[in-house]
C-alpha atoms as a PDB file:
ATOM      1  CA  UNK A   1      -2.978 -21.484  32.843  1.00  0.00           C
ATOM      2  CA  UNK A   2      -0.659 -20.410  30.022  1.00  0.00           C
ATOM      3  CA  UNK A   3      -1.277 -17.607  27.552  1.00  0.00           C
ATOM      4  CA  UNK A   4      -0.927 -18.421  23.871  1.00  0.00           C
ATOM      5  CA  UNK A   5       0.344 -15.099  22.534  1.00  0.00           C
ATOM      6  CA  UNK A   6       3.542 -13.809  20.918  1.00  0.00           C
ATOM      7  CA  UNK A   7       4.929 -12.180  24.063  1.00  0.00           C
ATOM      8  CA  UNK A   8       4.395 -15.286  26.191  1.00  0.00           C
ATOM      9  CA  UNK A   9       6.126 -17.479  23.623  1.00  0.00           C
ATOM     10  CA  UNK A  10       9.026 -15.025  23.528  1.00  0.00           C
ATOM     11  CA  UNK A  11       9.442 -14.760  27.311  1.00  0.00           C
ATOM     12  CA  UNK A  12       8.931 -18.400  28.254  1.00  0.00           C
ATOM     13  CA  UNK A  13      12.402 -19.593  27.093  1.00  0.00           C
ATOM     14  CA  UNK A  14      13.976 -16.747  29.078  1.00  0.00           C
ATOM     15  CA  UNK A  15      12.083 -17.785  32.216  1.00  0.00           C
ATOM     16  CA  UNK A  16      13.146 -21.410  31.779  1.00  0.00           C
ATOM     17  CA  UNK A  17      16.745 -20.313  31.210  1.00  0.00           C
ATOM     18  CA  UNK A  18      16.791 -18.412  34.503  1.00  0.00           C
ATOM     19  CA  UNK A  19      15.207 -21.348  36.336  1.00  0.00           C
ATOM     20  CA  UNK A  20      17.659 -23.936  35.006  1.00  0.00           C
ATOM     21  CA  UNK A  21      20.681 -21.687  35.611  1.00  0.00           C
ATOM     22  CA  UNK A  22      20.034 -21.658  39.369  1.00  0.00           C
ATOM     23  CA  UNK A  23      21.093 -25.317  39.542  1.00  0.00           C
ATOM     24  CA  UNK A  24      24.504 -24.689  37.955  1.00  0.00           C
ATOM     25  CA  UNK A  25      27.861 -23.610  39.345  1.00  0.00           C
ATOM     26  CA  UNK A  26      29.496 -20.309  38.366  1.00  0.00           C
ATOM     27  CA  UNK A  27      31.410 -21.677  35.379  1.00  0.00           C
ATOM     28  CA  UNK A  28      28.474 -23.726  34.073  1.00  0.00           C
ATOM     29  CA  UNK A  29      26.205 -20.705  34.316  1.00  0.00           C
ATOM     30  CA  UNK A  30      28.614 -18.584  32.268  1.00  0.00           C
ATOM     31  CA  UNK A  31      28.843 -21.291  29.606  1.00  0.00           C
ATOM     32  CA  UNK A  32      25.052 -21.616  29.591  1.00  0.00           C
ATOM     33  CA  UNK A  33      24.786 -17.929  28.674  1.00  0.00           C
ATOM     34  CA  UNK A  34      27.404 -18.368  25.941  1.00  0.00           C
ATOM     35  CA  UNK A  35      30.093 -16.370  27.757  1.00  0.00           C
ATOM     36  CA  UNK A  36      33.850 -17.099  27.659  1.00  0.00           C
ATOM     37  CA  UNK A  37      34.976 -20.138  29.649  1.00  0.00           C
ATOM     38  CA  UNK A  38      37.045 -17.942  31.992  1.00  0.00           C
ATOM     39  CA  UNK A  39      33.996 -15.939  33.123  1.00  0.00           C
ATOM     40  CA  UNK A  40      32.026 -16.642  36.287  1.00  0.00           C
ATOM     41  CA  UNK A  41      28.341 -15.844  36.860  1.00  0.00           C
ATOM     42  CA  UNK A  42      26.940 -16.091  40.385  1.00  0.00           C
ATOM     43  CA  UNK A  43      23.449 -17.081  41.556  1.00  0.00           C
ATOM     44  CA  UNK A  44      20.272 -15.138  40.739  1.00  0.00           C
ATOM     45  CA  UNK A  45      21.870 -13.148  37.920  1.00  0.00           C
ATOM     46  CA  UNK A  46      19.336 -11.961  35.342  1.00  0.00           C
ATOM     47  CA  UNK A  47      20.463 -11.203  31.789  1.00  0.00           C
ATOM     48  CA  UNK A  48      17.901  -9.624  29.470  1.00  0.00           C
ATOM     49  CA  UNK A  49      18.575 -10.289  25.775  1.00  0.00           C
ATOM     50  CA  UNK A  50      21.832 -12.233  26.337  1.00  0.00           C
ATOM     51  CA  UNK A  51      22.299 -12.397  22.566  1.00  0.00           C
ATOM     52  CA  UNK A  52      23.159  -8.667  22.728  1.00  0.00           C
ATOM     53  CA  UNK A  53      25.759  -9.095  25.491  1.00  0.00           C
ATOM     54  CA  UNK A  54      29.431  -9.057  24.527  1.00  0.00           C
ATOM     55  CA  UNK A  55      31.782  -9.987  27.373  1.00  0.00           C
ATOM     56  CA  UNK A  56      35.555 -10.402  27.496  1.00  0.00           C
ATOM     57  CA  UNK A  57      37.584 -13.060  29.289  1.00  0.00           C
ATOM     58  CA  UNK A  58      37.937 -13.320  33.083  1.00  0.00           C
ATOM     59  CA  UNK A  59      34.797 -11.345  33.952  1.00  0.00           C
ATOM     60  CA  UNK A  60      32.847 -11.913  37.168  1.00  0.00           C
ATOM     61  CA  UNK A  61      29.148 -11.131  37.698  1.00  0.00           C
ATOM     62  CA  UNK A  62      27.964 -11.012  41.316  1.00  0.00           C
ATOM     63  CA  UNK A  63      24.840 -12.440  42.920  1.00  0.00           C
ATOM     64  CA  UNK A  64      21.552 -10.815  42.006  1.00  0.00           C
ATOM     65  CA  UNK A  65      22.954  -8.533  39.311  1.00  0.00           C
ATOM     66  CA  UNK A  66      20.542  -7.584  36.513  1.00  0.00           C
ATOM     67  CA  UNK A  67      22.103  -6.934  33.112  1.00  0.00           C
ATOM     68  CA  UNK A  68      19.774  -5.431  30.525  1.00  0.00           C
ATOM     69  CA  UNK A  69      21.458  -6.041  27.176  1.00  0.00           C
ATOM     70  CA  UNK A  70      18.391  -5.267  25.050  1.00  0.00           C
ATOM     71  CA  UNK A  71      19.993  -2.041  23.824  1.00  0.00           C
ATOM     72  CA  UNK A  72      23.488  -3.534  23.527  1.00  0.00           C
ATOM     73  CA  UNK A  73      25.911  -4.206  26.387  1.00  0.00           C
ATOM     74  CA  UNK A  74      29.682  -4.654  26.146  1.00  0.00           C
ATOM     75  CA  UNK A  75      31.873  -5.578  29.133  1.00  0.00           C
ATOM     76  CA  UNK A  76      35.642  -5.685  28.700  1.00  0.00           C
ATOM     77  CA  UNK A  77      38.010  -8.387  29.910  1.00  0.00           C
ATOM     78  CA  UNK A  78      38.992  -8.696  33.588  1.00  0.00           C
ATOM     79  CA  UNK A  79      36.002  -6.644  34.761  1.00  0.00           C
ATOM     80  CA  UNK A  80      33.903  -7.447  37.836  1.00  0.00           C
ATOM     81  CA  UNK A  81      30.253  -6.483  38.328  1.00  0.00           C
ATOM     82  CA  UNK A  82      29.194  -6.388  41.989  1.00  0.00           C
ATOM     83  CA  UNK A  83      26.221  -8.094  43.574  1.00  0.00           C
ATOM     84  CA  UNK A  84      22.758  -6.614  42.976  1.00  0.00           C
ATOM     85  CA  UNK A  85      24.103  -4.130  40.433  1.00  0.00           C
ATOM     86  CA  UNK A  86      21.634  -2.914  37.797  1.00  0.00           C
ATOM     87  CA  UNK A  87      22.669  -2.054  34.241  1.00  0.00           C
ATOM     88  CA  UNK A  88      20.020  -0.500  32.001  1.00  0.00           C
ATOM     89  CA  UNK A  89      20.151  -0.137  28.216  1.00  0.00           C
ATOM     90  CA  UNK A  90      16.526   0.817  27.672  1.00  0.00           C
ATOM     91  CA  UNK A  91      13.896   3.093  29.195  1.00  0.00           C
ATOM     92  CA  UNK A  92      10.120   3.341  28.868  1.00  0.00           C
ATOM     93  CA  UNK A  93       9.858   6.829  30.403  1.00  0.00           C
ATOM     94  CA  UNK A  94       8.360   8.414  27.287  1.00  0.00           C
ATOM     95  CA  UNK A  95       6.011   5.499  26.690  1.00  0.00           C
ATOM     96  CA  UNK A  96       4.750   5.833  30.268  1.00  0.00           C
ATOM     97  CA  UNK A  97       4.241   9.594  30.030  1.00  0.00           C
ATOM     98  CA  UNK A  98       2.240   9.222  26.816  1.00  0.00           C
ATOM     99  CA  UNK A  99       0.252   6.230  28.128  1.00  0.00           C
ATOM    100  CA  UNK A 100       1.743   3.993  25.445  1.00  0.00           C
ATOM    101  CA  UNK A 101       3.803   1.602  27.572  1.00  0.00           C
ATOM    102  CA  UNK A 102       2.229  -1.476  26.017  1.00  0.00           C
ATOM    103  CA  UNK A 103       4.152  -4.491  24.752  1.00  0.00           C
ATOM    104  CA  UNK A 104       5.877  -3.629  21.490  1.00  0.00           C
ATOM    105  CA  UNK A 105       5.585   0.139  21.986  1.00  0.00           C
ATOM    106  CA  UNK A 106       7.635   2.185  19.515  1.00  0.00           C
ATOM    107  CA  UNK A 107       8.447   4.680  22.287  1.00  0.00           C
ATOM    108  CA  UNK A 108      10.889   2.423  24.149  1.00  0.00           C
ATOM    109  CA  UNK A 109      14.270   4.172  24.035  1.00  0.00           C
ATOM    110  CA  UNK A 110      17.390   1.989  23.779  1.00  0.00           C
ATOM    111  CA  UNK A 111      21.000   3.110  24.217  1.00  0.00           C
ATOM    112  CA  UNK A 112      24.064   0.828  24.482  1.00  0.00           C
ATOM    113  CA  UNK A 113      26.304   0.651  27.544  1.00  0.00           C
ATOM    114  CA  UNK A 114      30.028  -0.029  27.284  1.00  0.00           C
ATOM    115  CA  UNK A 115      32.194  -0.957  30.275  1.00  0.00           C
ATOM    116  CA  UNK A 116      35.926  -1.130  29.594  1.00  0.00           C
ATOM    117  CA  UNK A 117      38.530  -3.691  30.565  1.00  0.00           C
ATOM    118  CA  UNK A 118      39.983  -3.984  34.050  1.00  0.00           C
ATOM    119  CA  UNK A 119      37.035  -2.243  35.713  1.00  0.00           C
ATOM    120  CA  UNK A 120      35.644  -2.852  39.186  1.00  0.00           C
ATOM    121  CA  UNK A 121      31.936  -2.079  39.555  1.00  0.00           C
ATOM    122  CA  UNK A 122      30.918  -2.307  43.210  1.00  0.00           C
ATOM    123  CA  UNK A 123      27.724  -3.789  44.593  1.00  0.00           C
ATOM    124  CA  UNK A 124      24.335  -2.050  44.377  1.00  0.00           C
ATOM    125  CA  UNK A 125      25.504   0.230  41.560  1.00  0.00           C
ATOM    126  CA  UNK A 126      23.010   1.551  38.995  1.00  0.00           C
ATOM    127  CA  UNK A 127      24.332   2.216  35.480  1.00  0.00           C
ATOM    128  CA  UNK A 128      21.981   4.131  33.205  1.00  0.00           C
ATOM    129  CA  UNK A 129      21.458   3.622  29.479  1.00  0.00           C
ATOM    130  CA  UNK A 130      23.973   5.180  27.094  1.00  0.00           C
ATOM    131  CA  UNK A 131      26.870   5.326  29.572  1.00  0.00           C
ATOM    132  CA  UNK A 132      30.478   4.461  28.707  1.00  0.00           C
ATOM    133  CA  UNK A 133      32.842   3.514  31.544  1.00  0.00           C
ATOM    134  CA  UNK A 134      36.496   3.762  30.559  1.00  0.00           C
ATOM    135  CA  UNK A 135      39.196   1.131  31.037  1.00  0.00           C
ATOM    136  CA  UNK A 136      40.516   0.491  34.571  1.00  0.00           C
ATOM    137  CA  UNK A 137      37.785   2.553  36.252  1.00  0.00           C
ATOM    138  CA  UNK A 138      36.381   1.834  39.719  1.00  0.00           C
ATOM    139  CA  UNK A 139      32.769   2.566  40.673  1.00  0.00           C
ATOM    140  CA  UNK A 140      32.158   2.541  44.409  1.00  0.00           C
ATOM    141  CA  UNK A 141      29.131   0.666  45.852  1.00  0.00           C
ATOM    142  CA  UNK A 142      25.703   2.359  45.876  1.00  0.00           C
ATOM    143  CA  UNK A 143      26.664   4.779  43.095  1.00  0.00           C
ATOM    144  CA  UNK A 144      24.362   5.888  40.280  1.00  0.00           C
ATOM    145  CA  UNK A 145      26.249   6.304  37.002  1.00  0.00           C
ATOM    146  CA  UNK A 146      24.318   8.571  34.642  1.00  0.00           C
ATOM    147  CA  UNK A 147      27.269  10.041  32.701  1.00  0.00           C
ATOM    148  CA  UNK A 148      30.428   8.665  31.109  1.00  0.00           C
ATOM    149  CA  UNK A 149      33.276   7.683  33.445  1.00  0.00           C
ATOM    150  CA  UNK A 150      36.840   8.519  32.323  1.00  0.00           C
ATOM    151  CA  UNK A 151      39.475   5.752  32.241  1.00  0.00           C
ATOM    152  CA  UNK A 152      41.614   5.169  35.349  1.00  0.00           C
ATOM    153  CA  UNK A 153      39.324   7.007  37.739  1.00  0.00           C
ATOM    154  CA  UNK A 154      37.428   6.210  40.913  1.00  0.00           C
ATOM    155  CA  UNK A 155      33.862   7.513  40.985  1.00  0.00           C
ATOM    156  CA  UNK A 156      31.236   7.439  43.717  1.00  0.00           C
ATOM    157  CA  UNK A 157      27.929   8.973  44.720  1.00  0.00           C
ATOM    158  CA  UNK A 158      24.527   9.792  43.266  1.00  0.00           C
ATOM    159  CA  UNK A 159      25.142  11.026  40.696  1.00  0.00           C
ATOM    160  CA  UNK A 160      28.607   9.477  40.471  1.00  0.00           C
ATOM    161  CA  UNK A 161      31.515  11.906  40.233  1.00  0.00           C
ATOM    162  CA  UNK A 162      35.286  11.551  40.054  1.00  0.00           C
ATOM    163  CA  UNK A 163      37.076  11.366  43.407  1.00  0.00           C
ATOM    164  CA  UNK A 164      40.458  10.026  42.317  1.00  0.00           C
ATOM    165  CA  UNK A 165      42.561   9.501  39.196  1.00  0.00           C
ATOM    166  CA  UNK A 166      44.992   6.605  38.892  1.00  0.00           C
ATOM    167  CA  UNK A 167      48.416   6.623  37.272  1.00  0.00           C
ATOM    168  CA  UNK A 168      50.880   3.768  36.713  1.00  0.00           C
ATOM    169  CA  UNK A 169      52.996   4.746  39.721  1.00  0.00           C
ATOM    170  CA  UNK A 170      49.994   4.628  42.061  1.00  0.00           C
ATOM    171  CA  UNK A 171      48.799   1.273  40.713  1.00  0.00           C
ATOM    172  CA  UNK A 172      52.257  -0.267  41.103  1.00  0.00           C
ATOM    173  CA  UNK A 173      52.542   1.012  44.669  1.00  0.00           C
ATOM    174  CA  UNK A 174      49.195  -0.606  45.492  1.00  0.00           C
ATOM    175  CA  UNK A 175      50.267  -3.886  43.860  1.00  0.00           C
ATOM    176  CA  UNK A 176      53.419  -3.924  45.987  1.00  0.00           C
ATOM    177  CA  UNK A 177      51.480  -3.071  49.161  1.00  0.00           C
ATOM    178  CA  UNK A 178      48.808  -5.759  48.741  1.00  0.00           C
ATOM    179  CA  UNK A 179      51.314  -8.451  47.774  1.00  0.00           C
ATOM    180  CA  UNK A 180      53.434  -7.636  50.815  1.00  0.00           C
ATOM    181  CA  UNK A 181      50.388  -7.791  53.098  1.00  0.00           C
ATOM    182  CA  UNK A 182      49.295 -11.124  51.639  1.00  0.00           C
ATOM    183  CA  UNK A 183      52.806 -12.555  51.950  1.00  0.00           C
ATOM    184  CA  UNK A 184      52.804 -11.564  55.619  1.00  0.00           C
ATOM    185  CA  UNK A 185      49.378 -13.145  56.180  1.00  0.00           C
ATOM    186  CA  UNK A 186      50.510 -16.323  54.439  1.00  0.00           C
ATOM    187  CA  UNK A 187      53.620 -16.501  56.611  1.00  0.00           C
ATOM    188  CA  UNK A 188      51.568 -16.153  59.797  1.00  0.00           C
ATOM    189  CA  UNK A 189      48.987 -18.711  58.638  1.00  0.00           C
ATOM    190  CA  UNK A 190      51.716 -21.233  57.837  1.00  0.00           C
ATOM    191  CA  UNK A 191      53.223 -20.662  61.277  1.00  0.00           C
ATOM    192  CA  UNK A 192      49.826 -21.780  62.635  1.00  0.00           C
ATOM    193  CA  UNK A 193      50.034 -24.977  60.623  1.00  0.00           C
ATOM    194  CA  UNK A 194      47.627 -23.995  57.856  1.00  0.00           C
ATOM    195  CA  UNK A 195      48.089 -25.344  54.330  1.00  0.00           C
ATOM    196  CA  UNK A 196      48.370 -22.291  52.048  1.00  0.00           C
ATOM    197  CA  UNK A 197      49.219 -24.116  48.815  1.00  0.00           C
ATOM    198  CA  UNK A 198      45.844 -23.238  47.272  1.00  0.00           C
ATOM    199  CA  UNK A 199      45.756 -19.648  48.418  1.00  0.00           C
ATOM    200  CA  UNK A 200      45.474 -16.649  46.195  1.00  0.00           C
ATOM    201  CA  UNK A 201      44.807 -13.849  48.637  1.00  0.00           C
ATOM    202  CA  UNK A 202      44.756 -15.540  52.063  1.00  0.00           C
ATOM    203  CA  UNK A 203      41.600 -15.308  54.146  1.00  0.00           C
ATOM    204  CA  UNK A 204      41.302 -14.771  57.877  1.00  0.00           C
ATOM    205  CA  UNK A 205      42.229 -11.909  60.164  1.00  0.00           C
ATOM    206  CA  UNK A 206      45.915 -12.043  61.051  1.00  0.00           C
ATOM    207  CA  UNK A 207      46.431  -8.294  61.306  1.00  0.00           C
ATOM    208  CA  UNK A 208      46.945  -8.439  65.074  1.00  0.00           C
ATOM    209  CA  UNK A 209      49.814 -10.922  64.886  1.00  0.00           C
END
């Protein structure tokens, strides 16, 4: 049985979009949502009002993430959104409290969310409506972000708070450390006869070698 009303007609294309997208690979799914060709969208991602989503190049959206773009959502280039992360840009709290949470209620509050470039948003993070996350910020898993996050900081907790600030010297030292570790892992893997020509960061545990 199908309902023949305005809301059903509006939601049905969204439901079909989500159904069809499950049979695509990461790149196809991103293209299906109209995102840049360098973006990747994993399985079971839900995007509400994708027409209001603005995303930069080389973004990655993890499995099961829910992106509410109904109030406006902007995600900068080279940003990753972890699996099962929730981003809200609207709230019906006032409509619920006044018993007016019906479809089309004029008490739905919408506020845009902006996430800068070069950010890492861990898994199971909740980002509330109206929040701005600055460039090159890191949000640790299981955090609840209810206030703005400054650029080049690491935040964690519920509510999320700043635990660390990054500067160029620290970032460069981490780049050097990780590249050296990966070079060592590659060397060990090759000594075991593995083909590493397609490696980015090598997989496997070679730390005990």
